[in-house]
PDB file of N, CA and C in Angstrom:
ATOM      1  N   MET A   1     -41.627  84.441 -63.452  1.00  0.00           N
ATOM      2  CA  MET A   1     -40.719  84.741 -64.280  1.00  0.00           C
ATOM      3  C   MET A   1     -39.912  85.931 -63.719  1.00  0.00           C
ATOM      4  N   PHE A   2     -38.637  86.016 -63.733  1.00  0.00           N
ATOM      5  CA  PHE A   2     -37.685  87.038 -63.215  1.00  0.00           C
ATOM      6  C   PHE A   2     -37.796  88.241 -64.202  1.00  0.00           C
ATOM      7  N   MET A   3     -38.043  89.300 -63.559  1.00  0.00           N
ATOM      8  CA  MET A   3     -37.971  90.724 -64.270  1.00  0.00           C
ATOM      9  C   MET A   3     -36.962  91.558 -63.756  1.00  0.00           C
ATOM     10  N   PRO A   4     -35.906  92.002 -64.492  1.00  0.00           N
ATOM     11  CA  PRO A   4     -34.943  92.750 -63.931  1.00  0.00           C
ATOM     12  C   PRO A   4     -35.575  94.207 -63.672  1.00  0.00           C
ATOM     13  N   SER A   5     -35.035  94.790 -62.540  1.00  0.00           N
ATOM     14  CA  SER A   5     -35.724  96.090 -62.154  1.00  0.00           C
ATOM     15  C   SER A   5     -35.221  97.170 -63.367  1.00  0.00           C
ATOM     16  N   GLN A   6     -36.068  97.946 -63.653  1.00  0.00           N
ATOM     17  CA  GLN A   6     -35.915  99.048 -64.394  1.00  0.00           C
ATOM     18  C   GLN A   6     -35.182 100.083 -63.732  1.00  0.00           C
ATOM     19  N   ARG A   7     -35.060  99.998 -62.524  1.00  0.00           N
ATOM     20  CA  ARG A   7     -34.134 101.119 -61.840  1.00  0.00           C
ATOM     21  C   ARG A   7     -32.805 100.596 -61.654  1.00  0.00           C
ATOM     22  N   THR A   8     -31.901 101.384 -62.159  1.00  0.00           N
ATOM     23  CA  THR A   8     -30.511 101.132 -62.190  1.00  0.00           C
ATOM     24  C   THR A   8     -29.731 102.130 -61.492  1.00  0.00           C
ATOM     25  N   ASN A   9     -28.478 101.919 -61.223  1.00  0.00           N
ATOM     26  CA  ASN A   9     -27.558 102.907 -60.746  1.00  0.00           C
ATOM     27  C   ASN A   9     -26.412 103.048 -61.883  1.00  0.00           C
ATOM     28  N   PRO A  10     -26.565 103.900 -62.794  1.00  0.00           N
ATOM     29  CA  PRO A  10     -25.711 104.119 -63.883  1.00  0.00           C
ATOM     30  C   PRO A  10     -24.314 104.403 -63.345  1.00  0.00           C
ATOM     31  N   ASN A  11     -24.120 105.159 -62.315  1.00  0.00           N
ATOM     32  CA  ASN A  11     -22.820 105.482 -61.729  1.00  0.00           C
ATOM     33  C   ASN A  11     -22.062 104.365 -61.086  1.00  0.00           C
ATOM     34  N   PHE A  12     -22.794 103.231 -60.791  1.00  0.00           N
ATOM     35  CA  PHE A  12     -22.141 102.240 -60.186  1.00  0.00           C
ATOM     36  C   PHE A  12     -20.716 101.668 -60.836  1.00  0.00           C
ATOM     37  N   MET A  13     -20.822 101.259 -62.104  1.00  0.00           N
ATOM     38  CA  MET A  13     -19.588 100.982 -62.790  1.00  0.00           C
ATOM     39  C   MET A  13     -18.962 102.082 -63.490  1.00  0.00           C
ATOM     40  N   ASN A  14     -19.856 103.246 -63.867  1.00  0.00           N
ATOM     41  CA  ASN A  14     -19.049 104.278 -64.498  1.00  0.00           C
ATOM     42  C   ASN A  14     -18.165 104.965 -63.542  1.00  0.00           C
ATOM     43  N   GLY A  15     -18.507 105.024 -62.270  1.00  0.00           N
ATOM     44  CA  GLY A  15     -17.652 105.636 -61.250  1.00  0.00           C
ATOM     45  C   GLY A  15     -16.233 104.922 -60.996  1.00  0.00           C
ATOM     46  N   VAL A  16     -16.127 103.850 -61.256  1.00  0.00           N
ATOM     47  CA  VAL A  16     -14.922 102.980 -61.079  1.00  0.00           C
ATOM     48  C   VAL A  16     -13.559 103.641 -61.773  1.00  0.00           C
ATOM     49  N   PRO A  17     -13.791 103.850 -63.187  1.00  0.00           N
ATOM     50  CA  PRO A  17     -12.560 104.409 -63.821  1.00  0.00           C
ATOM     51  C   PRO A  17     -12.274 105.771 -63.189  1.00  0.00           C
ATOM     52  N   GLU A  18     -13.400 106.559 -62.964  1.00  0.00           N
ATOM     53  CA  GLU A  18     -12.966 107.892 -62.550  1.00  0.00           C
ATOM     54  C   GLU A  18     -12.308 107.871 -61.250  1.00  0.00           C
ATOM     55  N   LEU A  19     -12.826 107.048 -60.360  1.00  0.00           N
ATOM     56  CA  LEU A  19     -12.191 106.848 -59.033  1.00  0.00           C
ATOM     57  C   LEU A  19     -10.636 106.440 -59.267  1.00  0.00           C
ATOM     58  N   LEU A  20     -10.355 105.306 -59.838  1.00  0.00           N
ATOM     59  CA  LEU A  20      -9.013 104.892 -60.043  1.00  0.00           C
ATOM     60  C   LEU A  20      -8.193 105.865 -60.699  1.00  0.00           C
ATOM     61  N   VAL A  21      -8.634 106.575 -61.691  1.00  0.00           N
ATOM     62  CA  VAL A  21      -7.768 107.523 -62.397  1.00  0.00           C
ATOM     63  C   VAL A  21      -7.362 108.659 -61.402  1.00  0.00           C
ATOM     64  N   LEU A  22      -8.416 109.264 -60.660  1.00  0.00           N
ATOM     65  CA  LEU A  22      -8.187 110.296 -59.650  1.00  0.00           C
ATOM     66  C   LEU A  22      -7.270 109.760 -58.591  1.00  0.00           C
ATOM     67  N   LYS A  23      -7.363 108.569 -57.995  1.00  0.00           N
ATOM     68  CA  LYS A  23      -6.486 108.134 -57.058  1.00  0.00           C
ATOM     69  C   LYS A  23      -5.038 107.836 -57.623  1.00  0.00           C
ATOM     70  N   LEU A  24      -4.785 107.398 -58.680  1.00  0.00           N
ATOM     71  CA  LEU A  24      -3.522 107.179 -59.256  1.00  0.00           C
ATOM     72  C   LEU A  24      -2.762 108.505 -59.652  1.00  0.00           C
ATOM     73  N   ILE A  25      -3.543 109.318 -60.199  1.00  0.00           N
ATOM     74  CA  ILE A  25      -2.866 110.642 -60.454  1.00  0.00           C
ATOM     75  C   ILE A  25      -2.607 111.613 -59.222  1.00  0.00           C
ATOM     76  N   ALA A  26      -3.503 111.410 -58.244  1.00  0.00           N
ATOM     77  CA  ALA A  26      -3.382 112.107 -56.999  1.00  0.00           C
ATOM     78  C   ALA A  26      -1.826 111.739 -56.374  1.00  0.00           C
ATOM     79  N   GLU A  27      -1.499 110.398 -56.703  1.00  0.00           N
ATOM     80  CA  GLU A  27      -0.320 109.941 -56.156  1.00  0.00           C
ATOM     81  C   GLU A  27       0.964 110.426 -56.936  1.00  0.00           C
ATOM     82  N   GLN A  28       0.756 110.473 -58.286  1.00  0.00           N
ATOM     83  CA  GLN A  28       1.820 110.996 -59.051  1.00  0.00           C
ATOM     84  C   GLN A  28       1.282 111.412 -60.323  1.00  0.00           C
ATOM     85  N   GLU A  29       1.953 112.397 -61.075  1.00  0.00           N
ATOM     86  CA  GLU A  29       1.585 112.722 -62.393  1.00  0.00           C
ATOM     87  C   GLU A  29       1.708 111.535 -63.307  1.00  0.00           C
ATOM     88  N   MET A  30       0.779 111.300 -64.194  1.00  0.00           N
ATOM     89  CA  MET A  30       0.836 110.347 -65.220  1.00  0.00           C
ATOM     90  C   MET A  30       0.272 110.609 -66.607  1.00  0.00           C
ATOM     91  N   TYR A  31       0.684 109.885 -67.687  1.00  0.00           N
ATOM     92  CA  TYR A  31       0.156 110.043 -68.988  1.00  0.00           C
ATOM     93  C   TYR A  31      -0.857 108.859 -69.148  1.00  0.00           C
ATOM     94  N   GLY A  32      -1.660 108.951 -70.125  1.00  0.00           N
ATOM     95  CA  GLY A  32      -2.823 108.034 -70.286  1.00  0.00           C
ATOM     96  C   GLY A  32      -2.557 106.368 -70.217  1.00  0.00           C
ATOM     97  N   TYR A  33      -1.578 106.215 -71.028  1.00  0.00           N
ATOM     98  CA  TYR A  33      -1.216 104.687 -71.021  1.00  0.00           C
ATOM     99  C   TYR A  33      -0.399 104.106 -69.848  1.00  0.00           C
ATOM    100  N   GLU A  34       0.152 105.216 -69.038  1.00  0.00           N
ATOM    101  CA  GLU A  34       0.801 104.847 -67.914  1.00  0.00           C
ATOM    102  C   GLU A  34      -0.496 104.537 -66.678  1.00  0.00           C
ATOM    103  N   VAL A  35      -1.444 105.306 -66.948  1.00  0.00           N
ATOM    104  CA  VAL A  35      -2.695 105.034 -66.078  1.00  0.00           C
ATOM    105  C   VAL A  35      -3.230 103.587 -66.357  1.00  0.00           C
ATOM    106  N   VAL A  36      -3.369 103.296 -67.630  1.00  0.00           N
ATOM    107  CA  VAL A  36      -3.911 101.945 -68.064  1.00  0.00           C
ATOM    108  C   VAL A  36      -3.003 100.903 -67.360  1.00  0.00           C
ATOM    109  N   GLN A  37      -1.690 101.061 -67.373  1.00  0.00           N
ATOM    110  CA  GLN A  37      -0.749  99.991 -66.885  1.00  0.00           C
ATOM    111  C   GLN A  37      -0.957 100.017 -65.367  1.00  0.00           C
ATOM    112  N   ALA A  38      -1.064 101.180 -64.766  1.00  0.00           N
ATOM    113  CA  ALA A  38      -1.090 101.212 -63.336  1.00  0.00           C
ATOM    114  C   ALA A  38      -2.380 100.683 -62.842  1.00  0.00           C
ATOM    115  N   VAL A  39      -3.389 100.774 -63.447  1.00  0.00           N
ATOM    116  CA  VAL A  39      -4.752 100.172 -63.073  1.00  0.00           C
ATOM    117  C   VAL A  39      -4.539  98.589 -62.948  1.00  0.00           C
ATOM    118  N   ARG A  40      -3.994  98.024 -64.148  1.00  0.00           N
ATOM    119  CA  ARG A  40      -3.945  96.809 -64.262  1.00  0.00           C
ATOM    120  C   ARG A  40      -2.909  96.243 -63.098  1.00  0.00           C
ATOM    121  N   ARG A  41      -1.819  96.802 -62.891  1.00  0.00           N
ATOM    122  CA  ARG A  41      -0.573  96.330 -61.937  1.00  0.00           C
ATOM    123  C   ARG A  41      -1.259  96.553 -60.471  1.00  0.00           C
ATOM    124  N   ARG A  42      -1.938  97.764 -60.210  1.00  0.00           N
ATOM    125  CA  ARG A  42      -2.335  97.805 -58.711  1.00  0.00           C
ATOM    126  C   ARG A  42      -3.536  97.011 -58.430  1.00  0.00           C
ATOM    127  N   THR A  43      -4.364  96.602 -59.442  1.00  0.00           N
ATOM    128  CA  THR A  43      -5.514  95.690 -58.980  1.00  0.00           C
ATOM    129  C   THR A  43      -5.180  94.336 -59.504  1.00  0.00           C
ATOM    130  N   ALA A  44      -3.875  93.884 -59.529  1.00  0.00           N
ATOM    131  CA  ALA A  44      -3.402  92.576 -59.963  1.00  0.00           C
ATOM    132  C   ALA A  44      -4.305  92.095 -61.009  1.00  0.00           C
ATOM    133  N   GLU A  45      -4.622  92.913 -61.963  1.00  0.00           N
ATOM    134  CA  GLU A  45      -5.256  92.545 -63.295  1.00  0.00           C
ATOM    135  C   GLU A  45      -6.770  92.198 -62.965  1.00  0.00           C
ATOM    136  N   ALA A  46      -7.221  92.613 -61.854  1.00  0.00           N
ATOM    137  CA  ALA A  46      -8.654  92.253 -61.595  1.00  0.00           C
ATOM    138  C   ALA A  46      -9.639  93.325 -62.212  1.00  0.00           C
ATOM    139  N   VAL A  47      -8.981  94.458 -62.593  1.00  0.00           N
ATOM    140  CA  VAL A  47      -9.496  95.557 -63.302  1.00  0.00           C
ATOM    141  C   VAL A  47      -8.594  96.003 -64.374  1.00  0.00           C
ATOM    142  N   THR A  48      -9.102  95.791 -65.634  1.00  0.00           N
ATOM    143  CA  THR A  48      -8.390  96.124 -66.891  1.00  0.00           C
ATOM    144  C   THR A  48      -9.098  97.120 -67.623  1.00  0.00           C
ATOM    145  N   LEU A  49      -8.752  98.300 -67.875  1.00  0.00           N
ATOM    146  CA  LEU A  49      -9.489  99.305 -68.461  1.00  0.00           C
ATOM    147  C   LEU A  49      -8.599  99.775 -69.745  1.00  0.00           C
ATOM    148  N   SER A  50      -9.210  99.580 -70.701  1.00  0.00           N
ATOM    149  CA  SER A  50      -8.536 100.096 -72.063  1.00  0.00           C
ATOM    150  C   SER A  50      -8.325 101.383 -72.146  1.00  0.00           C
ATOM    151  N   GLU A  51      -7.554 101.703 -73.133  1.00  0.00           N
ATOM    152  CA  GLU A  51      -7.277 103.317 -73.459  1.00  0.00           C
ATOM    153  C   GLU A  51      -8.500 103.867 -73.841  1.00  0.00           C
ATOM    154  N   GLY A  52      -9.330 103.071 -74.427  1.00  0.00           N
ATOM    155  CA  GLY A  52     -10.689 103.630 -74.971  1.00  0.00           C
ATOM    156  C   GLY A  52     -11.679 104.066 -73.709  1.00  0.00           C
ATOM    157  N   VAL A  53     -11.405 103.587 -72.647  1.00  0.00           N
ATOM    158  CA  VAL A  53     -12.125 103.992 -71.422  1.00  0.00           C
ATOM    159  C   VAL A  53     -11.370 105.072 -70.733  1.00  0.00           C
ATOM    160  N   ILE A  54     -10.001 104.845 -70.452  1.00  0.00           N
ATOM    161  CA  ILE A  54      -9.217 105.862 -69.721  1.00  0.00           C
ATOM    162  C   ILE A  54      -9.139 107.191 -70.398  1.00  0.00           C
ATOM    163  N   TYR A  55      -8.928 107.226 -71.836  1.00  0.00           N
ATOM    164  CA  TYR A  55      -8.787 108.694 -72.272  1.00  0.00           C
ATOM    165  C   TYR A  55      -9.972 109.557 -72.217  1.00  0.00           C
ATOM    166  N   PRO A  56     -11.206 108.950 -72.489  1.00  0.00           N
ATOM    167  CA  PRO A  56     -12.408 109.847 -72.269  1.00  0.00           C
ATOM    168  C   PRO A  56     -12.564 110.140 -70.778  1.00  0.00           C
ATOM    169  N   VAL A  57     -12.173 109.467 -69.840  1.00  0.00           N
ATOM    170  CA  VAL A  57     -12.226 109.767 -68.550  1.00  0.00           C
ATOM    171  C   VAL A  57     -11.240 110.861 -68.215  1.00  0.00           C
ATOM    172  N   LEU A  58     -10.216 110.733 -68.681  1.00  0.00           N
ATOM    173  CA  LEU A  58      -9.022 111.770 -68.348  1.00  0.00           C
ATOM    174  C   LEU A  58      -9.482 113.219 -69.066  1.00  0.00           C
ATOM    175  N   HIS A  59     -10.100 113.083 -70.319  1.00  0.00           N
ATOM    176  CA  HIS A  59     -10.496 114.376 -70.852  1.00  0.00           C
ATOM    177  C   HIS A  59     -11.663 114.959 -70.268  1.00  0.00           C
ATOM    178  N   GLY A  60     -12.708 114.142 -69.666  1.00  0.00           N
ATOM    179  CA  GLY A  60     -13.880 114.598 -69.025  1.00  0.00           C
ATOM    180  C   GLY A  60     -13.509 115.332 -67.687  1.00  0.00           C
ATOM    181  N   LEU A  61     -12.437 114.717 -66.945  1.00  0.00           N
ATOM    182  CA  LEU A  61     -12.114 115.217 -65.730  1.00  0.00           C
ATOM    183  C   LEU A  61     -11.219 116.430 -65.925  1.00  0.00           C
ATOM    184  N   GLU A  62     -10.512 116.638 -67.015  1.00  0.00           N
ATOM    185  CA  GLU A  62      -9.800 117.810 -67.329  1.00  0.00           C
ATOM    186  C   GLU A  62     -10.804 118.860 -67.686  1.00  0.00           C
ATOM    187  N   ARG A  63     -11.842 118.564 -68.478  1.00  0.00           N
ATOM    188  CA  ARG A  63     -12.846 119.622 -68.838  1.00  0.00           C
ATOM    189  C   ARG A  63     -13.705 120.117 -67.555  1.00  0.00           C
ATOM    190  N   GLU A  64     -13.871 119.152 -66.602  1.00  0.00           N
ATOM    191  CA  GLU A  64     -14.437 119.564 -65.411  1.00  0.00           C
ATOM    192  C   GLU A  64     -13.699 120.261 -64.381  1.00  0.00           C
ATOM    193  N   GLY A  65     -12.235 120.441 -64.622  1.00  0.00           N
ATOM    194  CA  GLY A  65     -11.379 121.017 -63.820  1.00  0.00           C
ATOM    195  C   GLY A  65     -10.772 120.156 -62.735  1.00  0.00           C
ATOM    196  N   ALA A  66     -10.970 118.865 -62.662  1.00  0.00           N
ATOM    197  CA  ALA A  66     -10.436 117.932 -61.625  1.00  0.00           C
ATOM    198  C   ALA A  66      -8.925 117.675 -62.008  1.00  0.00           C
ATOM    199  N   LEU A  67      -8.603 117.674 -63.344  1.00  0.00           N
ATOM    200  CA  LEU A  67      -7.096 117.334 -63.650  1.00  0.00           C
ATOM    201  C   LEU A  67      -6.670 118.556 -64.402  1.00  0.00           C
ATOM    202  N   SER A  68      -5.450 118.827 -64.536  1.00  0.00           N
ATOM    203  CA  SER A  68      -4.691 119.724 -65.434  1.00  0.00           C
ATOM    204  C   SER A  68      -3.684 118.974 -66.340  1.00  0.00           C
ATOM    205  N   SER A  69      -3.296 119.436 -67.455  1.00  0.00           N
ATOM    206  CA  SER A  69      -2.444 118.617 -68.164  1.00  0.00           C
ATOM    207  C   SER A  69      -1.284 119.561 -68.649  1.00  0.00           C
ATOM    208  N   ARG A  70      -0.241 118.839 -69.069  1.00  0.00           N
ATOM    209  CA  ARG A  70       0.923 119.422 -69.778  1.00  0.00           C
ATOM    210  C   ARG A  70       1.491 118.478 -70.705  1.00  0.00           C
ATOM    211  N   ARG A  71       1.800 119.005 -71.975  1.00  0.00           N
ATOM    212  CA  ARG A  71       2.606 118.169 -72.912  1.00  0.00           C
ATOM    213  C   ARG A  71       3.992 118.151 -72.794  1.00  0.00           C
ATOM    214  N   GLN A  72       4.550 116.944 -72.861  1.00  0.00           N
ATOM    215  CA  GLN A  72       6.086 116.879 -72.832  1.00  0.00           C
ATOM    216  C   GLN A  72       6.497 115.840 -73.809  1.00  0.00           C
ATOM    217  N   THR A  73       7.692 116.074 -74.393  1.00  0.00           N
ATOM    218  CA  THR A  73       8.289 115.100 -75.224  1.00  0.00           C
ATOM    219  C   THR A  73       9.176 114.168 -74.507  1.00  0.00           C
ATOM    220  N   VAL A  74       9.046 112.871 -74.668  1.00  0.00           N
ATOM    221  CA  VAL A  74       9.797 111.845 -73.962  1.00  0.00           C
ATOM    222  C   VAL A  74      10.315 110.919 -75.028  1.00  0.00           C
ATOM    223  N   ASN A  75      11.613 110.747 -75.155  1.00  0.00           N
ATOM    224  CA  ASN A  75      12.195 109.918 -76.242  1.00  0.00           C
ATOM    225  C   ASN A  75      11.531 110.156 -77.641  1.00  0.00           C
ATOM    226  N   GLY A  76      11.390 111.394 -77.996  1.00  0.00           N
ATOM    227  CA  GLY A  76      10.856 111.658 -79.301  1.00  0.00           C
ATOM    228  C   GLY A  76       9.388 111.459 -79.289  1.00  0.00           C
ATOM    229  N   ARG A  77       8.627 111.189 -78.346  1.00  0.00           N
ATOM    230  CA  ARG A  77       7.158 110.967 -78.354  1.00  0.00           C
ATOM    231  C   ARG A  77       6.526 112.020 -77.460  1.00  0.00           C
ATOM    232  N   SER A  78       5.610 112.615 -77.986  1.00  0.00           N
ATOM    233  CA  SER A  78       4.755 113.654 -77.258  1.00  0.00           C
ATOM    234  C   SER A  78       3.774 113.052 -76.424  1.00  0.00           C
ATOM    235  N   ARG A  79       3.728 113.260 -74.985  1.00  0.00           N
ATOM    236  CA  ARG A  79       2.940 112.678 -74.242  1.00  0.00           C
ATOM    237  C   ARG A  79       2.175 113.816 -73.303  1.00  0.00           C
ATOM    238  N   ILE A  80       0.932 113.489 -73.067  1.00  0.00           N
ATOM    239  CA  ILE A  80       0.230 114.601 -72.164  1.00  0.00           C
ATOM    240  C   ILE A  80       0.095 113.945 -70.774  1.00  0.00           C
ATOM    241  N   TYR A  81       0.746 114.709 -69.826  1.00  0.00           N
ATOM    242  CA  TYR A  81       0.826 114.312 -68.436  1.00  0.00           C
ATOM    243  C   TYR A  81      -0.273 114.935 -67.712  1.00  0.00           C
ATOM    244  N   TYR A  82      -0.994 114.338 -66.826  1.00  0.00           N
ATOM    245  CA  TYR A  82      -2.164 114.742 -66.130  1.00  0.00           C
ATOM    246  C   TYR A  82      -1.777 114.872 -64.543  1.00  0.00           C
ATOM    247  N   SER A  83      -2.184 115.922 -64.026  1.00  0.00           N
ATOM    248  CA  SER A  83      -1.945 116.146 -62.380  1.00  0.00           C
ATOM    249  C   SER A  83      -3.404 116.418 -61.895  1.00  0.00           C
ATOM    250  N   ILE A  84      -3.575 116.232 -60.759  1.00  0.00           N
ATOM    251  CA  ILE A  84      -4.920 116.449 -60.059  1.00  0.00           C
ATOM    252  C   ILE A  84      -4.767 117.970 -59.472  1.00  0.00           C
ATOM    253  N   THR A  85      -6.014 118.582 -59.470  1.00  0.00           N
ATOM    254  CA  THR A  85      -6.256 119.884 -59.068  1.00  0.00           C
ATOM    255  C   THR A  85      -6.952 119.878 -57.657  1.00  0.00           C
ATOM    256  N   PRO A  86      -6.967 120.889 -57.007  1.00  0.00           N
ATOM    257  CA  PRO A  86      -7.835 120.948 -55.835  1.00  0.00           C
ATOM    258  C   PRO A  86      -9.197 120.610 -55.907  1.00  0.00           C
ATOM    259  N   ALA A  87      -9.718 120.952 -57.055  1.00  0.00           N
ATOM    260  CA  ALA A  87     -11.138 120.398 -57.385  1.00  0.00           C
ATOM    261  C   ALA A  87     -11.185 118.942 -57.497  1.00  0.00           C
ATOM    262  N   GLY A  88     -10.146 118.353 -58.174  1.00  0.00           N
ATOM    263  CA  GLY A  88      -9.967 116.871 -58.277  1.00  0.00           C
ATOM    264  C   GLY A  88      -9.714 116.168 -56.885  1.00  0.00           C
ATOM    265  N   ARG A  89      -9.075 116.790 -56.146  1.00  0.00           N
ATOM    266  CA  ARG A  89      -8.891 116.190 -54.749  1.00  0.00           C
ATOM    267  C   ARG A  89     -10.184 116.110 -54.002  1.00  0.00           C
ATOM    268  N   ARG A  90     -11.027 117.157 -54.103  1.00  0.00           N
ATOM    269  CA  ARG A  90     -12.279 117.052 -53.451  1.00  0.00           C
ATOM    270  C   ARG A  90     -13.139 116.116 -53.919  1.00  0.00           C
ATOM    271  N   ARG A  91     -13.105 116.005 -55.384  1.00  0.00           N
ATOM    272  CA  ARG A  91     -14.029 115.055 -56.109  1.00  0.00           C
ATOM    273  C   ARG A  91     -13.445 113.626 -55.697  1.00  0.00           C
ATOM    274  N   LEU A  92     -12.202 113.340 -55.604  1.00  0.00           N
ATOM    275  CA  LEU A  92     -11.616 112.140 -55.150  1.00  0.00           C
ATOM    276  C   LEU A  92     -12.122 111.842 -53.764  1.00  0.00           C
ATOM    277  N   SER A  93     -12.147 112.683 -52.869  1.00  0.00           N
ATOM    278  CA  SER A  93     -12.655 112.449 -51.457  1.00  0.00           C
ATOM    279  C   SER A  93     -14.008 112.104 -51.529  1.00  0.00           C
ATOM    280  N   ASP A  94     -14.835 112.764 -52.250  1.00  0.00           N
ATOM    281  CA  ASP A  94     -16.224 112.457 -52.311  1.00  0.00           C
ATOM    282  C   ASP A  94     -16.506 111.070 -52.860  1.00  0.00           C
ATOM    283  N   LEU A  95     -15.693 110.688 -54.060  1.00  0.00           N
ATOM    284  CA  LEU A  95     -15.970 109.369 -54.504  1.00  0.00           C
ATOM    285  C   LEU A  95     -15.391 108.168 -53.613  1.00  0.00           C
ATOM    286  N   THR A  96     -14.358 108.478 -52.976  1.00  0.00           N
ATOM    287  CA  THR A  96     -13.837 107.529 -51.957  1.00  0.00           C
ATOM    288  C   THR A  96     -14.937 107.164 -50.914  1.00  0.00           C
ATOM    289  N   GLY A  97     -15.374 108.295 -50.405  1.00  0.00           N
ATOM    290  CA  GLY A  97     -16.479 108.103 -49.267  1.00  0.00           C
ATOM    291  C   GLY A  97     -17.545 107.224 -49.779  1.00  0.00           C
ATOM    292  N   SER A  98     -17.974 107.577 -51.053  1.00  0.00           N
ATOM    293  CA  SER A  98     -19.292 106.931 -51.492  1.00  0.00           C
ATOM    294  C   SER A  98     -18.879 105.492 -51.756  1.00  0.00           C
ATOM    295  N   TRP A  99     -17.727 105.055 -52.361  1.00  0.00           N
ATOM    296  CA  TRP A  99     -17.322 103.732 -52.726  1.00  0.00           C
ATOM    297  C   TRP A  99     -16.983 103.014 -51.507  1.00  0.00           C
ATOM    298  N   ALA A 100     -16.504 103.622 -50.426  1.00  0.00           N
ATOM    299  CA  ALA A 100     -16.230 102.949 -49.127  1.00  0.00           C
ATOM    300  C   ALA A 100     -17.609 102.525 -48.557  1.00  0.00           C
ATOM    301  N   ARG A 101     -18.509 103.384 -48.563  1.00  0.00           N
ATOM    302  CA  ARG A 101     -19.997 103.082 -48.126  1.00  0.00           C
ATOM    303  C   ARG A 101     -20.488 101.937 -48.840  1.00  0.00           C
ATOM    304  N   LEU A 102     -20.391 101.864 -50.260  1.00  0.00           N
ATOM    305  CA  LEU A 102     -21.080 101.035 -51.100  1.00  0.00           C
ATOM    306  C   LEU A 102     -20.367  99.733 -50.875  1.00  0.00           C
ATOM    307  N   ALA A 103     -19.075  99.701 -50.778  1.00  0.00           N
ATOM    308  CA  ALA A 103     -18.382  98.495 -50.573  1.00  0.00           C
ATOM    309  C   ALA A 103     -18.640  97.685 -49.302  1.00  0.00           C
ATOM    310  N   THR A 104     -18.748  98.510 -48.351  1.00  0.00           N
ATOM    311  CA  THR A 104     -19.107  98.080 -46.897  1.00  0.00           C
ATOM    312  C   THR A 104     -20.493  97.435 -47.056  1.00  0.00           C
ATOM    313  N   ALA A 105     -21.366  98.136 -47.571  1.00  0.00           N
ATOM    314  CA  ALA A 105     -22.674  97.556 -47.719  1.00  0.00           C
ATOM    315  C   ALA A 105     -22.884  96.279 -48.470  1.00  0.00           C
ATOM    316  N   ILE A 106     -22.120  96.089 -49.551  1.00  0.00           N
ATOM    317  CA  ILE A 106     -22.076  95.011 -50.364  1.00  0.00           C
ATOM    318  C   ILE A 106     -21.439  93.769 -49.546  1.00  0.00           C
ATOM    319  N   GLN A 107     -20.337  94.128 -48.933  1.00  0.00           N
ATOM    320  CA  GLN A 107     -19.532  93.147 -48.032  1.00  0.00           C
ATOM    321  C   GLN A 107     -20.550  92.601 -46.882  1.00  0.00           C
ATOM    322  N   ASP A 108     -21.312  93.461 -46.338  1.00  0.00           N
ATOM    323  CA  ASP A 108     -22.088  93.020 -45.299  1.00  0.00           C
ATOM    324  C   ASP A 108     -23.201  92.015 -45.848  1.00  0.00           C
ATOM    325  N   VAL A 109     -23.639  92.331 -46.955  1.00  0.00           N
ATOM    326  CA  VAL A 109     -24.781  91.438 -47.645  1.00  0.00           C
ATOM    327  C   VAL A 109     -23.895  89.984 -47.869  1.00  0.00           C
ATOM    328  N   VAL A 110     -22.877  90.067 -48.735  1.00  0.00           N
ATOM    329  CA  VAL A 110     -22.143  88.881 -49.131  1.00  0.00           C
ATOM    330  C   VAL A 110     -21.653  88.082 -47.902  1.00  0.00           C
ATOM    331  N   MET A 111     -21.102  88.672 -47.003  1.00  0.00           N
ATOM    332  CA  MET A 111     -20.436  88.090 -45.813  1.00  0.00           C
ATOM    333  C   MET A 111     -21.494  87.858 -44.630  1.00  0.00           C
ATOM    334  N   GLY A 112     -22.624  88.214 -44.835  1.00  0.00           N
ATOM    335  CA  GLY A 112     -23.617  87.855 -43.852  1.00  0.00           C
ATOM    336  C   GLY A 112     -23.415  88.865 -42.631  1.00  0.00           C
ATOM    337  N   GLY A 113     -23.168  90.017 -42.718  1.00  0.00           N
ATOM    338  CA  GLY A 113     -22.822  90.994 -41.740  1.00  0.00           C
ATOM    339  C   GLY A 113     -24.201  91.597 -41.247  1.00  0.00           C
ATOM    340  N   LYS A 114     -24.225  92.943 -41.210  1.00  0.00           N
ATOM    341  CA  LYS A 114     -25.276  93.626 -40.788  1.00  0.00           C
ATOM    342  C   LYS A 114     -26.600  93.176 -41.449  1.00  0.00           C
ATOM    343  N   HIS A 115     -27.819  93.196 -40.678  1.00  0.00           N
ATOM    344  CA  HIS A 115     -29.188  92.944 -41.356  1.00  0.00           C
ATOM    345  C   HIS A 115     -29.858  94.136 -41.108  1.00  0.00           C
ATOM    346  N   VAL A 116     -30.604  94.454 -42.162  1.00  0.00           N
ATOM    347  CA  VAL A 116     -31.632  95.545 -42.017  1.00  0.00           C
ATOM    348  C   VAL A 116     -32.939  94.798 -41.876  1.00  0.00           C
ATOM    349  N   PRO A 117     -33.659  95.328 -40.917  1.00  0.00           N
ATOM    350  CA  PRO A 117     -35.049  94.641 -40.753  1.00  0.00           C
ATOM    351  C   PRO A 117     -35.962  94.950 -41.930  1.00  0.00           C
ATOM    352  N   SER A 118     -36.671  94.074 -42.401  1.00  0.00           N
ATOM    353  CA  SER A 118     -37.678  94.463 -43.408  1.00  0.00           C
ATOM    354  C   SER A 118     -38.757  95.339 -42.869  1.00  0.00           C
ATOM    355  N   VAL A 119     -39.195  96.124 -43.635  1.00  0.00           N
ATOM    356  CA  VAL A 119     -40.286  97.051 -43.482  1.00  0.00           C
ATOM    357  C   VAL A 119     -41.753  96.459 -43.648  1.00  0.00           C
TER     358      VAL A 119
END
């Protein structure tokens, strides 16, 4: 009988929204719903993150000092625009490196690349 491992990597999927938010906001200042739309557009809808996912990520990154925000009224609507801070750029660099290594490792397995000898 197959028994799933009790050992998991909780940051595996949790890190995706954070990485995407930091990358997009590093490119240009954005408000929350704009980030939602940019993720859909830039991933050709392969990744769709709801506002219920994006806003907690934005708020958490702001609390940690990775993002700063400013309120602006546009067409009579108040929006909070986020921009990346130096700490956020460092976090983005760390996450990008981690995800690149992980993606390469997964691709190697899936595409039959590098093989690690069993111990």
